[in-house]
Amino acid sequence: MLREFVSDNEIKTLNVAGPRASKEPEVGGFVKEVLGLAWPV
């Protein structure tokens, strides 16, 4: 779904925003996991 949205809308730069890591320490790992599922390496 995310990959399709990015492709359909010809997005070249995906800006990811959310809470500060100091307030939500797990946010970085969560974002990496979600993006890794959309674009496996």
N, C-alpha and C. Protein backbone atom coordinates (compact mmCIF):
# COMPACT_ATOMS: atom_id res chain seq x y z
N MET A 1 0.82 -1.18 0.00
CA MET A 1 0.00 0.00 0.00
C MET A 1 0.88 1.27 0.00
N LEU A 2 1.86 1.34 0.88
CA LEU A 2 2.76 2.50 0.93
C LEU A 2 3.56 2.60 -0.36
N ARG A 3 4.10 1.48 -0.79
CA ARG A 3 4.91 1.48 -2.01
C ARG A 3 4.07 1.92 -3.22
N GLU A 4 2.84 1.43 -3.30
CA GLU A 4 1.94 1.80 -4.39
C GLU A 4 1.62 3.30 -4.35
N PHE A 5 1.35 3.83 -3.17
CA PHE A 5 1.06 5.26 -3.01
C PHE A 5 2.23 6.11 -3.50
N VAL A 6 3.43 5.74 -3.09
CA VAL A 6 4.63 6.49 -3.48
C VAL A 6 4.81 6.43 -5.00
N SER A 7 4.62 5.26 -5.56
CA SER A 7 4.78 5.10 -7.01
C SER A 7 3.69 5.85 -7.78
N ASP A 8 2.44 5.68 -7.38
CA ASP A 8 1.32 6.33 -8.08
C ASP A 8 1.44 7.85 -8.07
N ASN A 9 2.00 8.39 -7.02
CA ASN A 9 2.10 9.85 -6.87
C ASN A 9 3.47 10.39 -7.26
N GLU A 10 4.31 9.51 -7.84
CA GLU A 10 5.64 9.88 -8.32
C GLU A 10 6.45 10.64 -7.27
N ILE A 11 6.37 10.17 -6.04
CA ILE A 11 7.09 10.79 -4.93
C ILE A 11 8.57 10.44 -5.05
N LYS A 12 9.41 11.45 -5.03
CA LYS A 12 10.86 11.26 -5.12
C LYS A 12 11.52 11.32 -3.76
N THR A 13 10.96 12.10 -2.84
CA THR A 13 11.49 12.22 -1.49
C THR A 13 10.34 12.01 -0.51
N LEU A 14 10.49 11.03 0.36
CA LEU A 14 9.46 10.74 1.35
C LEU A 14 9.92 11.30 2.69
N ASN A 15 9.23 12.32 3.16
CA ASN A 15 9.56 12.97 4.42
C ASN A 15 8.76 12.27 5.52
N VAL A 16 9.46 11.70 6.48
CA VAL A 16 8.81 10.98 7.58
C VAL A 16 8.88 11.85 8.83
N ALA A 17 7.73 12.15 9.41
CA ALA A 17 7.67 12.97 10.62
C ALA A 17 6.96 12.20 11.72
N GLY A 18 7.26 12.55 12.93
CA GLY A 18 6.62 11.89 14.06
C GLY A 18 7.16 12.45 15.35
N PRO A 19 6.92 11.75 16.43
CA PRO A 19 7.39 12.24 17.72
C PRO A 19 8.92 12.18 17.81
N ARG A 20 9.48 13.00 18.66
CA ARG A 20 10.92 12.99 18.90
C ARG A 20 11.33 11.67 19.53
N ALA A 21 12.51 11.23 19.20
CA ALA A 21 13.02 9.98 19.77
C ALA A 21 13.14 10.07 21.29
N SER A 22 13.36 11.27 21.81
CA SER A 22 13.45 11.43 23.27
C SER A 22 12.10 11.18 23.94
N LYS A 23 11.02 11.41 23.21
CA LYS A 23 9.67 11.18 23.75
C LYS A 23 9.17 9.78 23.42
N GLU A 24 9.63 9.22 22.31
CA GLU A 24 9.18 7.91 21.84
C GLU A 24 10.40 7.15 21.33
N PRO A 25 11.18 6.54 22.22
CA PRO A 25 12.47 5.94 21.85
C PRO A 25 12.40 4.83 20.79
N GLU A 26 11.26 4.21 20.63
CA GLU A 26 11.15 3.10 19.67
C GLU A 26 10.78 3.56 18.26
N VAL A 27 10.56 4.85 18.06
CA VAL A 27 10.05 5.33 16.78
C VAL A 27 11.00 5.04 15.62
N GLY A 28 12.29 5.18 15.82
CA GLY A 28 13.25 4.92 14.74
C GLY A 28 13.20 3.49 14.24
N GLY A 29 13.15 2.55 15.15
CA GLY A 29 13.05 1.14 14.77
C GLY A 29 11.76 0.83 14.06
N PHE A 30 10.67 1.45 14.52
CA PHE A 30 9.37 1.24 13.89
C PHE A 30 9.38 1.73 12.44
N VAL A 31 9.92 2.92 12.23
CA VAL A 31 9.98 3.49 10.88
C VAL A 31 10.85 2.61 9.98
N LYS A 32 11.99 2.17 10.47
CA LYS A 32 12.86 1.29 9.68
C LYS A 32 12.14 -0.01 9.32
N GLU A 33 11.39 -0.55 10.25
CA GLU A 33 10.66 -1.79 9.99
C GLU A 33 9.59 -1.59 8.91
N VAL A 34 8.81 -0.53 9.03
CA VAL A 34 7.74 -0.27 8.06
C VAL A 34 8.32 -0.02 6.67
N LEU A 35 9.35 0.81 6.58
CA LEU A 35 9.95 1.09 5.27
C LEU A 35 10.64 -0.15 4.71
N GLY A 36 11.22 -0.96 5.59
CA GLY A 36 11.86 -2.21 5.15
C GLY A 36 10.86 -3.21 4.59
N LEU A 37 9.65 -3.20 5.12
CA LEU A 37 8.60 -4.07 4.59
C LEU A 37 8.13 -3.59 3.22
N ALA A 38 8.09 -2.27 3.04
CA ALA A 38 7.65 -1.71 1.76
C ALA A 38 8.73 -1.85 0.68
N TRP A 39 9.99 -1.70 1.10
CA TRP A 39 11.12 -1.78 0.17
C TRP A 39 12.19 -2.70 0.73
N PRO A 40 11.98 -4.01 0.63
CA PRO A 40 12.99 -4.94 1.16
C PRO A 40 14.31 -4.80 0.41
N VAL A 41 15.39 -4.93 1.15
CA VAL A 41 16.73 -4.80 0.55
C VAL A 41 17.28 -6.18 0.29
